[in-house]
PDB file of N, CA and C in Angstrom:
ATOM      1  N   MET A   1       4.702  12.324   8.792  1.00  0.00           N
ATOM      2  CA  MET A   1       4.450  12.129  10.305  1.00  0.00           C
ATOM      3  C   MET A   1       4.010  13.689  11.211  1.00  0.00           C
ATOM      4  N   GLY A   2       3.338  13.877  11.985  1.00  0.00           N
ATOM      5  CA  GLY A   2       3.113  15.182  13.005  1.00  0.00           C
ATOM      6  C   GLY A   2       2.830  14.601  14.137  1.00  0.00           C
ATOM      7  N   HIS A   3       2.518  15.773  14.593  1.00  0.00           N
ATOM      8  CA  HIS A   3       1.843  15.379  16.265  1.00  0.00           C
ATOM      9  C   HIS A   3       1.162  16.265  16.606  1.00  0.00           C
ATOM     10  N   GLU A   4      -0.257  16.017  17.544  1.00  0.00           N
ATOM     11  CA  GLU A   4      -1.059  16.752  18.150  1.00  0.00           C
ATOM     12  C   GLU A   4      -0.870  16.605  19.744  1.00  0.00           C
ATOM     13  N   GLY A   5      -0.601  17.343  20.287  1.00  0.00           N
ATOM     14  CA  GLY A   5      -0.492  17.424  21.864  1.00  0.00           C
ATOM     15  C   GLY A   5       0.483  16.304  22.206  1.00  0.00           C
ATOM     16  N   PRO A   6       0.173  15.271  23.144  1.00  0.00           N
ATOM     17  CA  PRO A   6       1.308  14.160  23.226  1.00  0.00           C
ATOM     18  C   PRO A   6       1.165  13.092  22.343  1.00  0.00           C
ATOM     19  N   TYR A   7       0.560  13.064  21.284  1.00  0.00           N
ATOM     20  CA  TYR A   7       0.406  11.930  20.339  1.00  0.00           C
ATOM     21  C   TYR A   7       1.183  12.284  18.991  1.00  0.00           C
ATOM     22  N   LEU A   8       1.652  11.108  18.484  1.00  0.00           N
ATOM     23  CA  LEU A   8       2.110  11.329  17.108  1.00  0.00           C
ATOM     24  C   LEU A   8       1.136  11.066  15.944  1.00  0.00           C
ATOM     25  N   GLN A   9       0.933  11.827  15.046  1.00  0.00           N
ATOM     26  CA  GLN A   9      -0.205  11.656  13.920  1.00  0.00           C
ATOM     27  C   GLN A   9       0.550  11.158  12.894  1.00  0.00           C
ATOM     28  N   LEU A  10      -0.139   9.598  12.577  1.00  0.00           N
ATOM     29  CA  LEU A  10       0.661   8.644  11.520  1.00  0.00           C
ATOM     30  C   LEU A  10      -0.428   8.435  10.295  1.00  0.00           C
ATOM     31  N   ARG A  11       0.302   8.144   9.135  1.00  0.00           N
ATOM     32  CA  ARG A  11      -0.619   7.716   8.263  1.00  0.00           C
ATOM     33  C   ARG A  11       0.028   6.453   7.494  1.00  0.00           C
ATOM     34  N   PRO A  12      -0.856   5.468   6.912  1.00  0.00           N
ATOM     35  CA  PRO A  12      -0.279   4.421   6.276  1.00  0.00           C
ATOM     36  C   PRO A  12       0.572   4.651   5.172  1.00  0.00           C
ATOM     37  N   LEU A  13       1.619   3.839   4.670  1.00  0.00           N
ATOM     38  CA  LEU A  13       2.586   3.995   3.748  1.00  0.00           C
ATOM     39  C   LEU A  13       2.128   4.333   2.457  1.00  0.00           C
ATOM     40  N   GLY A  14       0.830   3.785   2.104  1.00  0.00           N
ATOM     41  CA  GLY A  14       0.056   3.658   1.046  1.00  0.00           C
ATOM     42  C   GLY A  14      -0.704   4.988   0.736  1.00  0.00           C
ATOM     43  N   GLY A  15      -0.655   5.771   1.971  1.00  0.00           N
ATOM     44  CA  GLY A  15      -1.813   6.929   2.047  1.00  0.00           C
ATOM     45  C   GLY A  15      -2.876   6.597   2.806  1.00  0.00           C
ATOM     46  N   GLY A  16      -3.654   7.564   3.337  1.00  0.00           N
ATOM     47  CA  GLY A  16      -4.921   7.189   3.740  1.00  0.00           C
ATOM     48  C   GLY A  16      -5.345   8.184   5.093  1.00  0.00           C
ATOM     49  N   ARG A  17      -6.376   7.892   5.799  1.00  0.00           N
ATOM     50  CA  ARG A  17      -6.245   8.769   7.064  1.00  0.00           C
ATOM     51  C   ARG A  17      -5.272   8.299   7.904  1.00  0.00           C
ATOM     52  N   GLU A  18      -5.150   9.389   8.805  1.00  0.00           N
ATOM     53  CA  GLU A  18      -4.298   9.373   9.961  1.00  0.00           C
ATOM     54  C   GLU A  18      -4.783   9.272  11.216  1.00  0.00           C
ATOM     55  N   TRP A  19      -3.985   8.717  12.115  1.00  0.00           N
ATOM     56  CA  TRP A  19      -4.391   8.328  13.449  1.00  0.00           C
ATOM     57  C   TRP A  19      -3.564   8.794  14.354  1.00  0.00           C
ATOM     58  N   ASP A  20      -3.930   8.985  15.635  1.00  0.00           N
ATOM     59  CA  ASP A  20      -3.153   9.252  16.674  1.00  0.00           C
ATOM     60  C   ASP A  20      -2.407   8.219  17.290  1.00  0.00           C
ATOM     61  N   ALA A  21      -1.096   8.373  17.761  1.00  0.00           N
ATOM     62  CA  ALA A  21      -0.565   7.043  18.205  1.00  0.00           C
ATOM     63  C   ALA A  21       0.305   7.448  19.454  1.00  0.00           C
ATOM     64  N   ASN A  22       0.453   6.926  20.533  1.00  0.00           N
ATOM     65  CA  ASN A  22       1.156   7.003  21.603  1.00  0.00           C
ATOM     66  C   ASN A  22       2.820   6.631  21.156  1.00  0.00           C
ATOM     67  N   PRO A  23       3.570   7.664  21.477  1.00  0.00           N
ATOM     68  CA  PRO A  23       4.833   7.807  20.851  1.00  0.00           C
ATOM     69  C   PRO A  23       5.723   6.664  21.725  1.00  0.00           C
ATOM     70  N   ALA A  24       5.445   6.126  22.898  1.00  0.00           N
ATOM     71  CA  ALA A  24       6.055   5.267  23.591  1.00  0.00           C
ATOM     72  C   ALA A  24       5.762   3.891  22.884  1.00  0.00           C
ATOM     73  N   ARG A  25       4.793   3.626  21.929  1.00  0.00           N
ATOM     74  CA  ARG A  25       4.488   2.431  21.493  1.00  0.00           C
ATOM     75  C   ARG A  25       4.663   2.590  19.905  1.00  0.00           C
ATOM     76  N   VAL A  26       5.596   3.567  19.402  1.00  0.00           N
ATOM     77  CA  VAL A  26       5.765   3.531  18.089  1.00  0.00           C
ATOM     78  C   VAL A  26       7.418   3.094  17.819  1.00  0.00           C
ATOM     79  N   ARG A  27       7.342   2.187  16.634  1.00  0.00           N
ATOM     80  CA  ARG A  27       8.702   1.716  16.324  1.00  0.00           C
ATOM     81  C   ARG A  27       8.769   1.815  14.977  1.00  0.00           C
ATOM     82  N   PRO A  28      10.126   2.060  14.363  1.00  0.00           N
ATOM     83  CA  PRO A  28      10.369   1.997  12.855  1.00  0.00           C
ATOM     84  C   PRO A  28       9.724   0.652  12.157  1.00  0.00           C
ATOM     85  N   ALA A  29       9.178   0.833  10.904  1.00  0.00           N
ATOM     86  CA  ALA A  29       8.794  -0.537  10.428  1.00  0.00           C
ATOM     87  C   ALA A  29      10.238  -1.354  10.080  1.00  0.00           C
ATOM     88  N   ALA A  30       9.871  -2.656  10.459  1.00  0.00           N
ATOM     89  CA  ALA A  30      10.591  -3.694  10.004  1.00  0.00           C
ATOM     90  C   ALA A  30      11.040  -3.889   8.341  1.00  0.00           C
ATOM     91  N   PRO A  31      12.018  -4.119   8.164  1.00  0.00           N
ATOM     92  CA  PRO A  31      12.537  -4.255   6.396  1.00  0.00           C
ATOM     93  C   PRO A  31      11.325  -5.251   5.825  1.00  0.00           C
ATOM     94  N   ALA A  32      10.914  -6.049   6.259  1.00  0.00           N
ATOM     95  CA  ALA A  32      10.126  -7.020   5.875  1.00  0.00           C
ATOM     96  C   ALA A  32       8.568  -6.302   5.589  1.00  0.00           C
ATOM     97  N   GLU A  33       8.267  -5.434   6.512  1.00  0.00           N
ATOM     98  CA  GLU A  33       7.196  -4.632   6.549  1.00  0.00           C
ATOM     99  C   GLU A  33       7.056  -3.420   5.379  1.00  0.00           C
ATOM    100  N   LEU A  34       8.332  -2.879   5.282  1.00  0.00           N
ATOM    101  CA  LEU A  34       8.450  -1.971   4.335  1.00  0.00           C
ATOM    102  C   LEU A  34       8.653  -2.494   2.800  1.00  0.00           C
ATOM    103  N   LEU A  35       9.318  -3.827   2.720  1.00  0.00           N
ATOM    104  CA  LEU A  35       9.158  -4.754   1.694  1.00  0.00           C
ATOM    105  C   LEU A  35       7.762  -4.750   0.967  1.00  0.00           C
ATOM    106  N   SER A  36       7.184  -5.496   1.915  1.00  0.00           N
ATOM    107  CA  SER A  36       5.600  -5.745   1.599  1.00  0.00           C
ATOM    108  C   SER A  36       4.851  -4.583   1.062  1.00  0.00           C
ATOM    109  N   ALA A  37       4.894  -3.414   1.768  1.00  0.00           N
ATOM    110  CA  ALA A  37       4.298  -2.240   1.604  1.00  0.00           C
ATOM    111  C   ALA A  37       4.661  -1.500   0.107  1.00  0.00           C
ATOM    112  N   ARG A  38       5.936  -1.636  -0.019  1.00  0.00           N
ATOM    113  CA  ARG A  38       6.374  -1.198  -1.498  1.00  0.00           C
ATOM    114  C   ARG A  38       5.681  -2.183  -2.474  1.00  0.00           C
ATOM    115  N   VAL A  39       5.701  -3.550  -2.117  1.00  0.00           N
ATOM    116  CA  VAL A  39       5.289  -4.424  -3.457  1.00  0.00           C
ATOM    117  C   VAL A  39       4.004  -4.129  -3.479  1.00  0.00           C
ATOM    118  N   ALA A  40       3.264  -4.173  -2.497  1.00  0.00           N
ATOM    119  CA  ALA A  40       1.781  -3.815  -2.644  1.00  0.00           C
ATOM    120  C   ALA A  40       1.411  -2.525  -3.479  1.00  0.00           C
ATOM    121  N   GLU A  41       2.403  -1.404  -3.206  1.00  0.00           N
ATOM    122  CA  GLU A  41       2.090  -0.158  -3.802  1.00  0.00           C
ATOM    123  C   GLU A  41       2.590  -0.281  -5.285  1.00  0.00           C
ATOM    124  N   ALA A  42       3.393  -0.858  -5.524  1.00  0.00           N
ATOM    125  CA  ALA A  42       3.913  -1.279  -7.057  1.00  0.00           C
ATOM    126  C   ALA A  42       3.107  -1.952  -7.832  1.00  0.00           C
ATOM    127  N   ASN A  43       2.340  -3.018  -7.029  1.00  0.00           N
ATOM    128  CA  ASN A  43       1.328  -4.009  -7.578  1.00  0.00           C
ATOM    129  C   ASN A  43       0.038  -2.990  -8.019  1.00  0.00           C
ATOM    130  N   ALA A  44      -0.341  -2.111  -7.038  1.00  0.00           N
ATOM    131  CA  ALA A  44      -1.394  -1.117  -7.325  1.00  0.00           C
ATOM    132  C   ALA A  44      -1.199  -0.068  -8.205  1.00  0.00           C
ATOM    133  N   ARG A  45       0.039   0.214  -8.616  1.00  0.00           N
ATOM    134  CA  ARG A  45       0.388   1.204  -9.441  1.00  0.00           C
ATOM    135  C   ARG A  45       0.423   0.701 -10.592  1.00  0.00           C
ATOM    136  N   SER A  46       0.748  -0.573 -10.953  1.00  0.00           N
ATOM    137  CA  SER A  46       0.815  -1.330 -12.213  1.00  0.00           C
ATOM    138  C   SER A  46      -0.705  -1.619 -12.443  1.00  0.00           C
ATOM    139  N   ARG A  47      -1.849  -2.000 -11.904  1.00  0.00           N
ATOM    140  CA  ARG A  47      -3.247  -1.996 -12.126  1.00  0.00           C
ATOM    141  C   ARG A  47      -3.484  -0.851 -12.567  1.00  0.00           C
ATOM    142  N   THR A  48      -3.335   0.286 -11.820  1.00  0.00           N
ATOM    143  CA  THR A  48      -3.750   1.526 -12.370  1.00  0.00           C
ATOM    144  C   THR A  48      -3.273   1.764 -14.103  1.00  0.00           C
ATOM    145  N   ASP A  49      -1.973   1.808 -13.899  1.00  0.00           N
ATOM    146  CA  ASP A  49      -1.509   2.041 -15.097  1.00  0.00           C
ATOM    147  C   ASP A  49      -2.137   1.215 -16.369  1.00  0.00           C
ATOM    148  N   LEU A  50      -2.721  -0.026 -16.051  1.00  0.00           N
ATOM    149  CA  LEU A  50      -3.407  -0.815 -16.960  1.00  0.00           C
ATOM    150  C   LEU A  50      -4.776  -0.585 -17.031  1.00  0.00           C
ATOM    151  N   GLY A  51      -5.194   0.531 -16.242  1.00  0.00           N
ATOM    152  CA  GLY A  51      -6.770   0.946 -16.234  1.00  0.00           C
ATOM    153  C   GLY A  51      -7.642  -0.225 -15.610  1.00  0.00           C
ATOM    154  N   LEU A  52      -6.969  -0.753 -14.561  1.00  0.00           N
ATOM    155  CA  LEU A  52      -7.622  -1.836 -13.849  1.00  0.00           C
ATOM    156  C   LEU A  52      -7.684  -1.698 -12.283  1.00  0.00           C
ATOM    157  N   SER A  53      -7.699  -0.178 -12.016  1.00  0.00           N
ATOM    158  CA  SER A  53      -7.392  -0.159 -10.313  1.00  0.00           C
ATOM    159  C   SER A  53      -8.704  -0.555  -9.712  1.00  0.00           C
ATOM    160  N   ASP A  54      -9.556  -0.578 -10.160  1.00  0.00           N
ATOM    161  CA  ASP A  54     -10.628  -1.184  -9.341  1.00  0.00           C
ATOM    162  C   ASP A  54     -11.039  -2.773  -9.280  1.00  0.00           C
ATOM    163  N   ILE A  55     -10.032  -3.638  -9.905  1.00  0.00           N
ATOM    164  CA  ILE A  55      -9.889  -5.204  -9.890  1.00  0.00           C
ATOM    165  C   ILE A  55      -9.032  -5.437  -8.830  1.00  0.00           C
ATOM    166  N   ARG A  56      -9.179  -6.102  -7.942  1.00  0.00           N
ATOM    167  CA  ARG A  56      -8.546  -6.642  -7.096  1.00  0.00           C
ATOM    168  C   ARG A  56      -7.608  -8.115  -7.655  1.00  0.00           C
ATOM    169  N   GLY A  57      -6.417  -8.168  -7.150  1.00  0.00           N
ATOM    170  CA  GLY A  57      -5.741  -9.622  -7.393  1.00  0.00           C
ATOM    171  C   GLY A  57      -5.004  -9.224  -8.792  1.00  0.00           C
ATOM    172  N   ALA A  58      -4.860 -10.571  -9.372  1.00  0.00           N
ATOM    173  CA  ALA A  58      -4.130 -10.401 -10.765  1.00  0.00           C
ATOM    174  C   ALA A  58      -5.141 -10.023 -11.759  1.00  0.00           C
ATOM    175  N   PRO A  59      -4.413  -9.325 -12.724  1.00  0.00           N
ATOM    176  CA  PRO A  59      -5.173  -8.699 -14.161  1.00  0.00           C
ATOM    177  C   PRO A  59      -5.842 -10.150 -14.756  1.00  0.00           C
ATOM    178  N   GLN A  60      -7.092  -9.872 -15.303  1.00  0.00           N
ATOM    179  CA  GLN A  60      -7.480 -11.017 -15.830  1.00  0.00           C
ATOM    180  C   GLN A  60      -8.457 -10.609 -17.202  1.00  0.00           C
ATOM    181  N   GLY A  61      -8.659 -11.132 -18.094  1.00  0.00           N
ATOM    182  CA  GLY A  61      -9.319 -10.933 -19.299  1.00  0.00           C
ATOM    183  C   GLY A  61      -8.398 -10.362 -20.441  1.00  0.00           C
ATOM    184  N   GLY A  62      -9.011  -9.618 -21.262  1.00  0.00           N
ATOM    185  CA  GLY A  62      -8.285  -9.446 -22.286  1.00  0.00           C
ATOM    186  C   GLY A  62      -8.149 -10.294 -23.502  1.00  0.00           C
ATOM    187  N   ARG A  63      -6.785 -10.465 -23.891  1.00  0.00           N
ATOM    188  CA  ARG A  63      -6.705 -11.441 -24.867  1.00  0.00           C
ATOM    189  C   ARG A  63      -6.569 -13.097 -24.420  1.00  0.00           C
ATOM    190  N   ALA A  64      -7.647 -13.707 -24.677  1.00  0.00           N
ATOM    191  CA  ALA A  64      -7.655 -15.103 -24.175  1.00  0.00           C
ATOM    192  C   ALA A  64      -6.416 -16.060 -24.647  1.00  0.00           C
ATOM    193  N   GLU A  65      -5.694 -15.880 -25.900  1.00  0.00           N
ATOM    194  CA  GLU A  65      -4.814 -16.560 -26.509  1.00  0.00           C
ATOM    195  C   GLU A  65      -3.464 -16.686 -25.764  1.00  0.00           C
ATOM    196  N   ASP A  66      -3.252 -15.248 -24.589  1.00  0.00           N
ATOM    197  CA  ASP A  66      -2.232 -15.152 -24.093  1.00  0.00           C
ATOM    198  C   ASP A  66      -1.715 -16.488 -23.167  1.00  0.00           C
ATOM    199  N   GLY A  67      -2.867 -16.954 -22.506  1.00  0.00           N
ATOM    200  CA  GLY A  67      -2.360 -18.272 -21.811  1.00  0.00           C
ATOM    201  C   GLY A  67      -2.048 -19.520 -22.197  1.00  0.00           C
ATOM    202  N   ALA A  68      -2.332 -19.697 -23.666  1.00  0.00           N
ATOM    203  CA  ALA A  68      -2.111 -20.498 -24.547  1.00  0.00           C
ATOM    204  C   ALA A  68      -0.847 -20.844 -25.032  1.00  0.00           C
ATOM    205  N   ARG A  69       0.047 -19.712 -24.913  1.00  0.00           N
ATOM    206  CA  ARG A  69       1.573 -19.571 -25.440  1.00  0.00           C
ATOM    207  C   ARG A  69       2.125 -20.651 -24.506  1.00  0.00           C
TER     208      ARG A  69
END
C-alpha cells in the first residue's frame, strides 16, 4: 500500500491493479475477509501446481476410476 496525494493506493490481496482510496473510508480487513482471501489464494495455488490454472472450480478429468472408489 502506498499513497499518491491525499489518497491511499490499494491493491487486492491476491494481486492485481491498484486503485486510489479515500483514507477516511479505509478499514482493516475483517477476519472472515482475510480467511476467504487466503482460502481463495490457496485454492488457486493448488490448481496452478496441478497445471490447471486456466480451469475454474474443482479440478475434473484425469483418472475416471478415482470417483468409483
